[in-house]
Every structure is written in C-alpha cells, then in structure tokens.
C-alpha cells in the first residue's frame, strides 16, 4: 500500500473518505471540500482506496489540495476495514473524525458548522447532518432512523409502515438525539471512537453504520441529528443497488444485494438475538433469507 508524505502541522478534524470505483464522484466531493469555509489548516482529508479498477483516484489527484493524502489498498477488505485503515494514518492529534462517502457534495459551511456544534456542546459525542438525496431533493430517511428490531423491520419491509423504522414521527427541522444514522456522513469525537473500537470488521459492506450507532447507544454516548447544514448524496454509485446512475455490473449489484442481508444477519446475531426467543430468532432469519432471494433476483435480472 502507498501513502502520501506526512504533514508537519496538526489538524482539528480528519475527514476519511473510503473510495471504490466512484468514477467522477470522488473528484466532485473533493472539489466541494476545497471550498470549505473551515480553513484548510484545520482539517485534513484521507482518501482510502479499496482497490478500485476505474480512474477515480487519478481524477481526484488532479485537484491540488495540500491537506489531502491517499492510502491505496491492494485488496478490498470491506468498508469497515478501509475506514479503520484511514483512522490509522489520520493525524492522531485531531479531535474529530468525519466518515464521508465519495458520492457526496459537501456544502461550504458544513465542516465549519459541524465543528462549532461539537465545540459548543460537550454532550455531543457523534452526529450527522441533514443528508439530501440528489435524485429526489428529499431528506435521506436513513440519516435519522431507529434500530431494526423484528417488529420495526417487519413493518418496514412488508410495506405496512416505516414510521418507527425511520423515526418519521419526529420533527426533523430540529436538532435532536437519534438512535442511528447512515454512514454517508458521520462525525465522531476521537475519544468516543476509541472507546467503542471504531468500525466492526465482521461487516464487509452495509450494516456497519448501524452497528457503530448501536455501540454508541450501549456505551451511553449521544448521537445527534443536526439539520443546520447539509450534504448532497448521490447514493449507490459503487454498489449499483440504488436507482441512481451507476456503472456497476450485474454481478457487482448481486454481490451488493447479498451483502445487505449478510449484514442483517451479523447485526442481529451480535446485538439483538440474545433478547429474543428461539421462535423469534427463527422468524427473523426466515425473513432475512426471503428478502435475500428477492434482492438478488432483482439485482441480477431486473
């Protein structure tokens, strides 16, 4: 693996971006970060590449940013592993880390406002901002959600109701505590991440953000939704399983679909099964298997 030279100055914030075949989106993301109102001397960007086969890294490196460095991995060992590798080469004196998807556009004031939010509120241990989906111009529901308990998951995936699954009963024009969020944008105090052990590498792709949030909850840390700034998320560019422009092959889409249900199994087995009866556990596993068959079929043939 290769890294760019280390900097001598120290950063307040480290932004970790895990890239995999993101095409031109990584460059657009870095372009948006280069316009940040937070001085570049106060943050660094760590781009970790998970063995991409496209030209996304070459395009990104055309942007001249003194506060950016790259870690090129020779094998793709998943989302959690890649982010954990980024943490290792980040400035160890930085107070905060942001985990950011490459298929996002960050508003000019986002980094500055997020740092101010943490600096002014010592009870904020982790937070996400408002995430706007590029395709619909609507708030991404996963940026404020509950944990997928059997009843929440059944109501959501059966199409009966997503009210509790996405915590739709709350007023999301207001800053407030939430249970979980999507990993497209997640800011964490360094000492908090150290305390929970950062990202669980049992997850290859998907589910690791829920696991991260669940461990925050277990340790009595506060996760906030902060809507005073936002990012735009194109969603599903690498995986190809969302209805967005993606060059992912059918095989890639099928692997991504399989990863979603594998992540569900891991999450339940690690965090929730001890709370439920054998009958409930069997029902959950049957539901996951059924969902897996449906998702793989759609990814391969539709």
C-alpha atoms as a PDB file:
ATOM      1  CA  UNK A   1       0.000   0.000   0.000  1.00  0.00           C
ATOM      2  CA  UNK A   2       1.116   3.558  -0.652  1.00  0.00           C
ATOM      3  CA  UNK A   3       0.674   6.720   1.335  1.00  0.00           C
ATOM      4  CA  UNK A   4       1.485  10.309   0.514  1.00  0.00           C
ATOM      5  CA  UNK A   5       4.037  12.144   2.690  1.00  0.00           C
ATOM      6  CA  UNK A   6       3.002  13.063   6.230  1.00  0.00           C
ATOM      7  CA  UNK A   7       2.269  16.682   7.100  1.00  0.00           C
ATOM      8  CA  UNK A   8       4.059  18.516   9.890  1.00  0.00           C
ATOM      9  CA  UNK A   9       1.106  20.596  11.059  1.00  0.00           C
ATOM     10  CA  UNK A  10      -1.751  19.235  13.152  1.00  0.00           C
ATOM     11  CA  UNK A  11      -5.425  19.147  12.205  1.00  0.00           C
ATOM     12  CA  UNK A  12      -8.504  19.655  14.354  1.00  0.00           C
ATOM     13  CA  UNK A  13     -10.577  17.449  12.053  1.00  0.00           C
ATOM     14  CA  UNK A  14      -9.775  14.400   9.926  1.00  0.00           C
ATOM     15  CA  UNK A  15     -12.148  13.594   7.040  1.00  0.00           C
ATOM     16  CA  UNK A  16     -11.917   9.941   5.995  1.00  0.00           C
ATOM     17  CA  UNK A  17     -13.298   9.090   2.555  1.00  0.00           C
ATOM     18  CA  UNK A  18     -13.421   5.440   1.518  1.00  0.00           C
ATOM     19  CA  UNK A  19     -13.388   5.132  -2.255  1.00  0.00           C
ATOM     20  CA  UNK A  20     -14.279   2.230  -4.509  1.00  0.00           C
ATOM     21  CA  UNK A  21     -14.922   2.779  -8.216  1.00  0.00           C
ATOM     22  CA  UNK A  22     -16.717   6.063  -7.612  1.00  0.00           C
ATOM     23  CA  UNK A  23     -15.949   7.337 -11.125  1.00  0.00           C
ATOM     24  CA  UNK A  24     -16.019  11.171 -11.213  1.00  0.00           C
ATOM     25  CA  UNK A  25     -17.878  11.497  -7.913  1.00  0.00           C
ATOM     26  CA  UNK A  26     -14.779  11.401  -5.712  1.00  0.00           C
ATOM     27  CA  UNK A  27     -13.318  14.366  -7.605  1.00  0.00           C
ATOM     28  CA  UNK A  28     -16.593  16.275  -7.196  1.00  0.00           C
ATOM     29  CA  UNK A  29     -16.567  15.508  -3.477  1.00  0.00           C
ATOM     30  CA  UNK A  30     -13.010  16.788  -3.089  1.00  0.00           C
ATOM     31  CA  UNK A  31     -13.857  19.856  -5.165  1.00  0.00           C
ATOM     32  CA  UNK A  32     -16.632  20.674  -2.706  1.00  0.00           C
ATOM     33  CA  UNK A  33     -14.316  20.176   0.281  1.00  0.00           C
ATOM     34  CA  UNK A  34     -11.753  22.507  -1.270  1.00  0.00           C
ATOM     35  CA  UNK A  35     -14.342  25.313  -0.989  1.00  0.00           C
ATOM     36  CA  UNK A  36     -14.939  24.736   2.726  1.00  0.00           C
ATOM     37  CA  UNK A  37     -15.178  27.796   4.971  1.00  0.00           C
ATOM     38  CA  UNK A  38     -13.233  25.831   7.580  1.00  0.00           C
ATOM     39  CA  UNK A  39      -9.583  26.786   6.926  1.00  0.00           C
ATOM     40  CA  UNK A  40      -7.649  24.005   5.250  1.00  0.00           C
ATOM     41  CA  UNK A  41      -5.049  24.290   8.004  1.00  0.00           C
ATOM     42  CA  UNK A  42      -7.690  22.991  10.450  1.00  0.00           C
ATOM     43  CA  UNK A  43      -8.667  19.801   8.636  1.00  0.00           C
ATOM     44  CA  UNK A  44      -7.116  17.014   6.641  1.00  0.00           C
ATOM     45  CA  UNK A  45      -8.583  14.645   4.067  1.00  0.00           C
ATOM     46  CA  UNK A  46      -7.649  10.988   3.986  1.00  0.00           C
ATOM     47  CA  UNK A  47      -8.766   9.141   0.871  1.00  0.00           C
ATOM     48  CA  UNK A  48      -8.586   5.371   1.269  1.00  0.00           C
ATOM     49  CA  UNK A  49      -8.996   3.437  -1.961  1.00  0.00           C
ATOM     50  CA  UNK A  50     -10.348  -0.115  -1.756  1.00  0.00           C
ATOM     51  CA  UNK A  51      -8.505  -1.468  -4.815  1.00  0.00           C
ATOM     52  CA  UNK A  52     -10.578   0.426  -7.399  1.00  0.00           C
ATOM     53  CA  UNK A  53     -10.348  -0.584 -11.042  1.00  0.00           C
ATOM     54  CA  UNK A  54     -11.568   2.720 -12.502  1.00  0.00           C
ATOM     55  CA  UNK A  55      -9.808   6.087 -12.817  1.00  0.00           C
ATOM     56  CA  UNK A  56     -11.436   7.730  -9.782  1.00  0.00           C
ATOM     57  CA  UNK A  57      -8.149   8.157  -7.889  1.00  0.00           C
ATOM     58  CA  UNK A  58      -6.293   9.520 -10.919  1.00  0.00           C
ATOM     59  CA  UNK A  59      -9.058  12.080 -11.451  1.00  0.00           C
ATOM     60  CA  UNK A  60      -9.085  13.043  -7.775  1.00  0.00           C
ATOM     61  CA  UNK A  61      -5.339  13.610  -7.664  1.00  0.00           C
ATOM     62  CA  UNK A  62      -5.679  16.309 -10.318  1.00  0.00           C
ATOM     63  CA  UNK A  63      -7.045  18.528  -7.558  1.00  0.00           C
ATOM     64  CA  UNK A  64      -4.231  20.334  -5.787  1.00  0.00           C
ATOM     65  CA  UNK A  65      -5.008  20.090  -2.071  1.00  0.00           C
ATOM     66  CA  UNK A  66      -2.200  20.418   0.448  1.00  0.00           C
ATOM     67  CA  UNK A  67      -4.336  18.880   3.196  1.00  0.00           C
ATOM     68  CA  UNK A  68      -5.139  15.631   1.328  1.00  0.00           C
ATOM     69  CA  UNK A  69      -3.367  12.294   1.472  1.00  0.00           C
ATOM     70  CA  UNK A  70      -4.066   8.933  -0.116  1.00  0.00           C
ATOM     71  CA  UNK A  71      -3.878   5.356   1.061  1.00  0.00           C
ATOM     72  CA  UNK A  72      -4.071   2.852  -1.804  1.00  0.00           C
ATOM     73  CA  UNK A  73      -5.018  -0.637  -0.638  1.00  0.00           C
ATOM     74  CA  UNK A  74      -4.098  -3.635  -2.788  1.00  0.00           C
ATOM     75  CA  UNK A  75      -7.111  -5.673  -1.672  1.00  0.00           C
ATOM     76  CA  UNK A  76     -10.711  -4.746  -0.887  1.00  0.00           C
ATOM     77  CA  UNK A  77     -11.449  -5.993   2.619  1.00  0.00           C
ATOM     78  CA  UNK A  78     -14.631  -4.005   3.024  1.00  0.00           C
ATOM     79  CA  UNK A  79     -15.998  -0.727   4.298  1.00  0.00           C
ATOM     80  CA  UNK A  80     -15.107  -1.170   7.965  1.00  0.00           C
ATOM     81  CA  UNK A  81     -11.547  -2.293   7.268  1.00  0.00           C
ATOM     82  CA  UNK A  82     -10.937   0.566   4.850  1.00  0.00           C
ATOM     83  CA  UNK A  83     -12.194   3.185   7.309  1.00  0.00           C
ATOM     84  CA  UNK A  84     -10.145   1.686  10.131  1.00  0.00           C
ATOM     85  CA  UNK A  85      -7.051   1.903   7.918  1.00  0.00           C
ATOM     86  CA  UNK A  86      -7.850   5.568   7.288  1.00  0.00           C
ATOM     87  CA  UNK A  87      -8.041   6.198  11.033  1.00  0.00           C
ATOM     88  CA  UNK A  88      -4.554   4.730  11.449  1.00  0.00           C
ATOM     89  CA  UNK A  89      -2.923   7.214   9.068  1.00  0.00           C
ATOM     90  CA  UNK A  90      -5.004  10.193  10.211  1.00  0.00           C
ATOM     91  CA  UNK A  91      -3.400  12.887  12.345  1.00  0.00           C
ATOM     92  CA  UNK A  92      -3.514  11.271  15.787  1.00  0.00           C
ATOM     93  CA  UNK A  93      -3.897  14.669  17.439  1.00  0.00           C
ATOM     94  CA  UNK A  94      -7.148  15.536  15.617  1.00  0.00           C
ATOM     95  CA  UNK A  95     -10.118  15.920  17.982  1.00  0.00           C
ATOM     96  CA  UNK A  96     -12.767  14.799  15.496  1.00  0.00           C
ATOM     97  CA  UNK A  97     -13.186  12.447  12.564  1.00  0.00           C
ATOM     98  CA  UNK A  98     -15.789  12.564   9.825  1.00  0.00           C
ATOM     99  CA  UNK A  99     -16.539   9.487   7.743  1.00  0.00           C
ATOM    100  CA  UNK A 100     -17.782  10.641   4.362  1.00  0.00           C
ATOM    101  CA  UNK A 101     -18.957   8.816   1.247  1.00  0.00           C
ATOM    102  CA  UNK A 102     -17.221   9.760  -2.021  1.00  0.00           C
ATOM    103  CA  UNK A 103     -20.572  10.198  -3.811  1.00  0.00           C
ATOM    104  CA  UNK A 104     -21.422  13.311  -1.801  1.00  0.00           C
ATOM    105  CA  UNK A 105     -21.216  17.056  -2.250  1.00  0.00           C
ATOM    106  CA  UNK A 106     -20.385  18.934   0.946  1.00  0.00           C
ATOM    107  CA  UNK A 107     -21.742  22.445   1.423  1.00  0.00           C
ATOM    108  CA  UNK A 108     -19.184  25.201   2.020  1.00  0.00           C
ATOM    109  CA  UNK A 109     -20.160  25.721   5.648  1.00  0.00           C
ATOM    110  CA  UNK A 110     -20.743  22.086   6.625  1.00  0.00           C
ATOM    111  CA  UNK A 111     -17.372  21.293   8.177  1.00  0.00           C
ATOM    112  CA  UNK A 112     -17.213  24.635   9.984  1.00  0.00           C
ATOM    113  CA  UNK A 113     -20.740  24.358  11.385  1.00  0.00           C
ATOM    114  CA  UNK A 114     -20.258  20.752  12.475  1.00  0.00           C
ATOM    115  CA  UNK A 115     -17.042  21.592  14.326  1.00  0.00           C
ATOM    116  CA  UNK A 116     -18.777  24.539  16.009  1.00  0.00           C
ATOM    117  CA  UNK A 117     -21.674  22.265  17.010  1.00  0.00           C
ATOM    118  CA  UNK A 118     -19.281  19.868  18.735  1.00  0.00           C
ATOM    119  CA  UNK A 119     -17.157  22.612  20.270  1.00  0.00           C
ATOM    120  CA  UNK A 120     -20.220  24.336  21.761  1.00  0.00           C
ATOM    121  CA  UNK A 121     -21.889  21.172  23.087  1.00  0.00           C
ATOM    122  CA  UNK A 122     -19.817  18.802  25.173  1.00  0.00           C
ATOM    123  CA  UNK A 123     -22.725  16.302  25.318  1.00  0.00           C
ATOM    124  CA  UNK A 124     -22.492  15.732  21.543  1.00  0.00           C
ATOM    125  CA  UNK A 125     -20.392  12.610  21.104  1.00  0.00           C
ATOM    126  CA  UNK A 126     -21.307  11.807  17.487  1.00  0.00           C
ATOM    127  CA  UNK A 127     -23.531  13.467  14.906  1.00  0.00           C
ATOM    128  CA  UNK A 128     -24.775  13.513  11.359  1.00  0.00           C
ATOM    129  CA  UNK A 129     -26.086  16.450   9.375  1.00  0.00           C
ATOM    130  CA  UNK A 130     -29.082  16.679   7.071  1.00  0.00           C
ATOM    131  CA  UNK A 131     -28.472  14.494   4.007  1.00  0.00           C
ATOM    132  CA  UNK A 132     -30.274  15.394   0.804  1.00  0.00           C
ATOM    133  CA  UNK A 133     -30.692  12.774  -1.913  1.00  0.00           C
ATOM    134  CA  UNK A 134     -29.591  14.173  -5.271  1.00  0.00           C
ATOM    135  CA  UNK A 135     -32.200  12.219  -7.222  1.00  0.00           C
ATOM    136  CA  UNK A 136     -35.245  13.392  -5.263  1.00  0.00           C
ATOM    137  CA  UNK A 137     -34.009  16.506  -3.443  1.00  0.00           C
ATOM    138  CA  UNK A 138     -35.575  14.982  -0.321  1.00  0.00           C
ATOM    139  CA  UNK A 139     -34.018  14.155   3.042  1.00  0.00           C
ATOM    140  CA  UNK A 140     -32.490  10.667   3.019  1.00  0.00           C
ATOM    141  CA  UNK A 141     -34.619   8.797   5.579  1.00  0.00           C
ATOM    142  CA  UNK A 142     -31.671   6.679   6.750  1.00  0.00           C
ATOM    143  CA  UNK A 143     -29.972   9.769   8.200  1.00  0.00           C
ATOM    144  CA  UNK A 144     -32.448   9.561  11.093  1.00  0.00           C
ATOM    145  CA  UNK A 145     -33.600   6.077  11.953  1.00  0.00           C
ATOM    146  CA  UNK A 146     -34.232   3.559  14.683  1.00  0.00           C
ATOM    147  CA  UNK A 147     -32.637   0.153  15.126  1.00  0.00           C
ATOM    148  CA  UNK A 148     -34.185  -2.674  13.039  1.00  0.00           C
ATOM    149  CA  UNK A 149     -35.897  -4.614  15.806  1.00  0.00           C
ATOM    150  CA  UNK A 150     -38.014  -7.506  14.473  1.00  0.00           C
ATOM    151  CA  UNK A 151     -41.257  -5.521  14.656  1.00  0.00           C
ATOM    152  CA  UNK A 152     -39.720  -2.372  13.109  1.00  0.00           C
ATOM    153  CA  UNK A 153     -38.145  -4.422  10.316  1.00  0.00           C
ATOM    154  CA  UNK A 154     -41.309  -6.416   9.639  1.00  0.00           C
ATOM    155  CA  UNK A 155     -43.483  -3.285   9.367  1.00  0.00           C
ATOM    156  CA  UNK A 156     -40.918  -1.585   7.099  1.00  0.00           C
ATOM    157  CA  UNK A 157     -40.035  -4.426   4.710  1.00  0.00           C
ATOM    158  CA  UNK A 158     -43.643  -5.595   4.438  1.00  0.00           C
ATOM    159  CA  UNK A 159     -44.603  -2.107   3.317  1.00  0.00           C
ATOM    160  CA  UNK A 160     -47.051  -1.611   6.192  1.00  0.00           C
ATOM    161  CA  UNK A 161     -45.273   1.338   7.812  1.00  0.00           C
ATOM    162  CA  UNK A 162     -41.798   2.888   8.029  1.00  0.00           C
ATOM    163  CA  UNK A 163     -42.856   5.402  10.684  1.00  0.00           C
ATOM    164  CA  UNK A 164     -40.797   3.951  13.522  1.00  0.00           C
ATOM    165  CA  UNK A 165     -38.078   2.443  11.297  1.00  0.00           C
ATOM    166  CA  UNK A 166     -37.140   5.927  10.070  1.00  0.00           C
ATOM    167  CA  UNK A 167     -38.436   7.763  13.165  1.00  0.00           C
ATOM    168  CA  UNK A 168     -40.809   9.707  10.933  1.00  0.00           C
ATOM    169  CA  UNK A 169     -42.840  10.917  13.916  1.00  0.00           C
ATOM    170  CA  UNK A 170     -40.080  13.363  14.902  1.00  0.00           C
ATOM    171  CA  UNK A 171     -39.689  16.934  13.643  1.00  0.00           C
ATOM    172  CA  UNK A 172     -36.527  16.782  11.580  1.00  0.00           C
ATOM    173  CA  UNK A 173     -36.222  20.512  11.162  1.00  0.00           C
ATOM    174  CA  UNK A 174     -34.865  20.455  14.736  1.00  0.00           C
ATOM    175  CA  UNK A 175     -31.575  19.361  16.229  1.00  0.00           C
ATOM    176  CA  UNK A 176     -32.155  16.271  18.353  1.00  0.00           C
ATOM    177  CA  UNK A 177     -30.842  12.944  19.608  1.00  0.00           C
ATOM    178  CA  UNK A 178     -31.389   9.945  17.346  1.00  0.00           C
ATOM    179  CA  UNK A 179     -30.690   6.234  17.671  1.00  0.00           C
ATOM    180  CA  UNK A 180     -28.932   5.622  14.367  1.00  0.00           C
ATOM    181  CA  UNK A 181     -27.899   7.190  11.065  1.00  0.00           C
ATOM    182  CA  UNK A 182     -26.382   6.251   7.731  1.00  0.00           C
ATOM    183  CA  UNK A 183     -22.591   6.129   7.373  1.00  0.00           C
ATOM    184  CA  UNK A 184     -22.530   8.525   4.406  1.00  0.00           C
ATOM    185  CA  UNK A 185     -21.732  11.323   6.873  1.00  0.00           C
ATOM    186  CA  UNK A 186     -20.835  10.578  10.478  1.00  0.00           C
ATOM    187  CA  UNK A 187     -18.758  12.810  12.765  1.00  0.00           C
ATOM    188  CA  UNK A 188     -17.282  11.383  15.958  1.00  0.00           C
ATOM    189  CA  UNK A 189     -15.102  12.603  18.793  1.00  0.00           C
ATOM    190  CA  UNK A 190     -11.829  10.694  18.662  1.00  0.00           C
ATOM    191  CA  UNK A 191     -12.002   9.514  22.281  1.00  0.00           C
ATOM    192  CA  UNK A 192     -15.521   8.183  21.677  1.00  0.00           C
ATOM    193  CA  UNK A 193     -14.457   6.212  18.617  1.00  0.00           C
ATOM    194  CA  UNK A 194     -11.515   4.813  20.563  1.00  0.00           C
ATOM    195  CA  UNK A 195     -13.860   3.763  23.377  1.00  0.00           C
ATOM    196  CA  UNK A 196     -16.162   1.720  21.094  1.00  0.00           C
ATOM    197  CA  UNK A 197     -13.348   0.294  18.975  1.00  0.00           C
ATOM    198  CA  UNK A 198     -14.281   2.129  15.764  1.00  0.00           C
ATOM    199  CA  UNK A 199     -15.667   0.008  12.880  1.00  0.00           C
ATOM    200  CA  UNK A 200     -16.591  -3.667  13.255  1.00  0.00           C
ATOM    201  CA  UNK A 201     -14.694  -5.539  10.526  1.00  0.00           C
ATOM    202  CA  UNK A 202     -17.057  -8.514  10.598  1.00  0.00           C
ATOM    203  CA  UNK A 203     -19.161  -6.418   8.217  1.00  0.00           C
ATOM    204  CA  UNK A 204     -17.877  -6.220   4.654  1.00  0.00           C
ATOM    205  CA  UNK A 205     -20.430  -3.775   3.295  1.00  0.00           C
ATOM    206  CA  UNK A 206     -23.638  -2.372   4.837  1.00  0.00           C
ATOM    207  CA  UNK A 207     -24.761  -2.700   8.441  1.00  0.00           C
ATOM    208  CA  UNK A 208     -21.528  -1.390   9.910  1.00  0.00           C
ATOM    209  CA  UNK A 209     -23.053   2.061  10.442  1.00  0.00           C
ATOM    210  CA  UNK A 210     -25.967   0.563  12.408  1.00  0.00           C
ATOM    211  CA  UNK A 211     -23.513  -1.497  14.441  1.00  0.00           C
ATOM    212  CA  UNK A 212     -21.438   1.632  15.126  1.00  0.00           C
ATOM    213  CA  UNK A 213     -24.537   3.525  16.303  1.00  0.00           C
ATOM    214  CA  UNK A 214     -25.693   0.592  18.427  1.00  0.00           C
ATOM    215  CA  UNK A 215     -22.352   0.507  20.227  1.00  0.00           C
ATOM    216  CA  UNK A 216     -22.625   4.256  20.839  1.00  0.00           C
ATOM    217  CA  UNK A 217     -26.011   3.616  22.437  1.00  0.00           C
ATOM    218  CA  UNK A 218     -24.688   0.731  24.533  1.00  0.00           C
ATOM    219  CA  UNK A 219     -21.905   2.946  25.878  1.00  0.00           C
ATOM    220  CA  UNK A 220     -24.423   5.728  26.703  1.00  0.00           C
ATOM    221  CA  UNK A 221     -22.974   8.128  24.128  1.00  0.00           C
ATOM    222  CA  UNK A 222     -25.205  10.698  22.423  1.00  0.00           C
ATOM    223  CA  UNK A 223     -25.759  10.656  18.654  1.00  0.00           C
ATOM    224  CA  UNK A 224     -27.344  13.804  17.244  1.00  0.00           C
ATOM    225  CA  UNK A 225     -29.075  14.804  14.037  1.00  0.00           C
ATOM    226  CA  UNK A 226     -28.020  18.382  13.187  1.00  0.00           C
ATOM    227  CA  UNK A 227     -30.058  19.923  10.344  1.00  0.00           C
ATOM    228  CA  UNK A 228     -28.439  23.388  10.322  1.00  0.00           C
ATOM    229  CA  UNK A 229     -26.214  22.289   7.441  1.00  0.00           C
ATOM    230  CA  UNK A 230     -26.382  19.547   4.820  1.00  0.00           C
ATOM    231  CA  UNK A 231     -24.637  17.444   2.222  1.00  0.00           C
ATOM    232  CA  UNK A 232     -25.978  16.043  -1.051  1.00  0.00           C
ATOM    233  CA  UNK A 233     -25.778  12.280  -1.512  1.00  0.00           C
ATOM    234  CA  UNK A 234     -25.924  10.540  -4.903  1.00  0.00           C
ATOM    235  CA  UNK A 235     -26.252   7.113  -3.185  1.00  0.00           C
ATOM    236  CA  UNK A 236     -25.415   3.686  -4.559  1.00  0.00           C
ATOM    237  CA  UNK A 237     -22.775   4.736  -7.095  1.00  0.00           C
ATOM    238  CA  UNK A 238     -20.352   1.900  -6.278  1.00  0.00           C
ATOM    239  CA  UNK A 239     -22.850  -0.794  -5.299  1.00  0.00           C
ATOM    240  CA  UNK A 240     -25.361  -0.218  -8.089  1.00  0.00           C
ATOM    241  CA  UNK A 241     -28.318  -1.370  -5.986  1.00  0.00           C
ATOM    242  CA  UNK A 242     -29.968   2.043  -5.709  1.00  0.00           C
ATOM    243  CA  UNK A 243     -31.884   3.697  -8.524  1.00  0.00           C
ATOM    244  CA  UNK A 244     -29.100   6.117  -9.361  1.00  0.00           C
ATOM    245  CA  UNK A 245     -26.615   6.425 -12.219  1.00  0.00           C
ATOM    246  CA  UNK A 246     -24.066   3.662 -11.678  1.00  0.00           C
ATOM    247  CA  UNK A 247     -21.697   1.649 -13.859  1.00  0.00           C
ATOM    248  CA  UNK A 248     -21.790  -1.332 -11.516  1.00  0.00           C
ATOM    249  CA  UNK A 249     -22.158  -4.673 -13.309  1.00  0.00           C
ATOM    250  CA  UNK A 250     -24.971  -7.128 -12.617  1.00  0.00           C
ATOM    251  CA  UNK A 251     -22.530  -9.289 -10.668  1.00  0.00           C
ATOM    252  CA  UNK A 252     -21.490  -6.297  -8.551  1.00  0.00           C
ATOM    253  CA  UNK A 253     -25.130  -5.442  -7.906  1.00  0.00           C
ATOM    254  CA  UNK A 254     -25.829  -9.049  -6.898  1.00  0.00           C
ATOM    255  CA  UNK A 255     -22.853  -9.104  -4.518  1.00  0.00           C
ATOM    256  CA  UNK A 256     -24.008  -5.815  -3.031  1.00  0.00           C
ATOM    257  CA  UNK A 257     -27.540  -7.144  -2.592  1.00  0.00           C
ATOM    258  CA  UNK A 258     -26.173 -10.223  -0.846  1.00  0.00           C
ATOM    259  CA  UNK A 259     -24.027  -8.026   1.407  1.00  0.00           C
ATOM    260  CA  UNK A 260     -27.111  -6.177   2.656  1.00  0.00           C
ATOM    261  CA  UNK A 261     -28.716  -9.334   4.016  1.00  0.00           C
ATOM    262  CA  UNK A 262     -25.453 -10.786   5.300  1.00  0.00           C
ATOM    263  CA  UNK A 263     -25.072  -7.568   7.286  1.00  0.00           C
ATOM    264  CA  UNK A 264     -28.565  -8.022   8.724  1.00  0.00           C
ATOM    265  CA  UNK A 265     -27.653 -11.494   9.999  1.00  0.00           C
ATOM    266  CA  UNK A 266     -24.466 -10.226  11.630  1.00  0.00           C
ATOM    267  CA  UNK A 267     -26.251  -7.294  13.274  1.00  0.00           C
ATOM    268  CA  UNK A 268     -28.983  -9.469  14.752  1.00  0.00           C
ATOM    269  CA  UNK A 269     -26.591 -12.195  15.891  1.00  0.00           C
ATOM    270  CA  UNK A 270     -24.182  -9.745  17.520  1.00  0.00           C
ATOM    271  CA  UNK A 271     -26.613  -7.254  19.028  1.00  0.00           C
ATOM    272  CA  UNK A 272     -30.235  -8.392  19.244  1.00  0.00           C
ATOM    273  CA  UNK A 273     -30.698 -12.168  19.281  1.00  0.00           C
ATOM    274  CA  UNK A 274     -29.885 -12.507  22.978  1.00  0.00           C
ATOM    275  CA  UNK A 275     -33.051 -10.500  23.700  1.00  0.00           C
ATOM    276  CA  UNK A 276     -35.428 -12.756  21.771  1.00  0.00           C
ATOM    277  CA  UNK A 277     -36.832 -16.268  21.939  1.00  0.00           C
ATOM    278  CA  UNK A 278     -35.714 -19.082  19.592  1.00  0.00           C
ATOM    279  CA  UNK A 279     -39.033 -18.751  17.737  1.00  0.00           C
ATOM    280  CA  UNK A 280     -38.495 -15.035  17.123  1.00  0.00           C
ATOM    281  CA  UNK A 281     -34.923 -15.664  16.005  1.00  0.00           C
ATOM    282  CA  UNK A 282     -36.128 -18.302  13.521  1.00  0.00           C
ATOM    283  CA  UNK A 283     -38.762 -15.902  12.183  1.00  0.00           C
ATOM    284  CA  UNK A 284     -36.137 -13.181  11.716  1.00  0.00           C
ATOM    285  CA  UNK A 285     -33.714 -15.488   9.895  1.00  0.00           C
ATOM    286  CA  UNK A 286     -36.501 -16.723   7.606  1.00  0.00           C
ATOM    287  CA  UNK A 287     -37.441 -13.117   6.786  1.00  0.00           C
ATOM    288  CA  UNK A 288     -33.831 -12.221   6.007  1.00  0.00           C
ATOM    289  CA  UNK A 289     -33.463 -15.254   3.717  1.00  0.00           C
ATOM    290  CA  UNK A 290     -36.656 -14.367   1.857  1.00  0.00           C
ATOM    291  CA  UNK A 291     -35.503 -10.768   1.433  1.00  0.00           C
ATOM    292  CA  UNK A 292     -32.115 -12.025   0.231  1.00  0.00           C
ATOM    293  CA  UNK A 293     -33.660 -14.151  -2.535  1.00  0.00           C
ATOM    294  CA  UNK A 294     -35.816 -11.230  -3.709  1.00  0.00           C
ATOM    295  CA  UNK A 295     -32.956  -8.716  -3.696  1.00  0.00           C
ATOM    296  CA  UNK A 296     -30.506 -10.955  -5.551  1.00  0.00           C
ATOM    297  CA  UNK A 297     -33.127 -11.777  -8.186  1.00  0.00           C
ATOM    298  CA  UNK A 298     -33.830  -8.069  -8.748  1.00  0.00           C
ATOM    299  CA  UNK A 299     -30.111  -7.246  -8.917  1.00  0.00           C
ATOM    300  CA  UNK A 300     -29.402  -9.947 -11.499  1.00  0.00           C
ATOM    301  CA  UNK A 301     -32.447  -9.802 -13.737  1.00  0.00           C
ATOM    302  CA  UNK A 302     -34.344  -6.513 -13.321  1.00  0.00           C
END
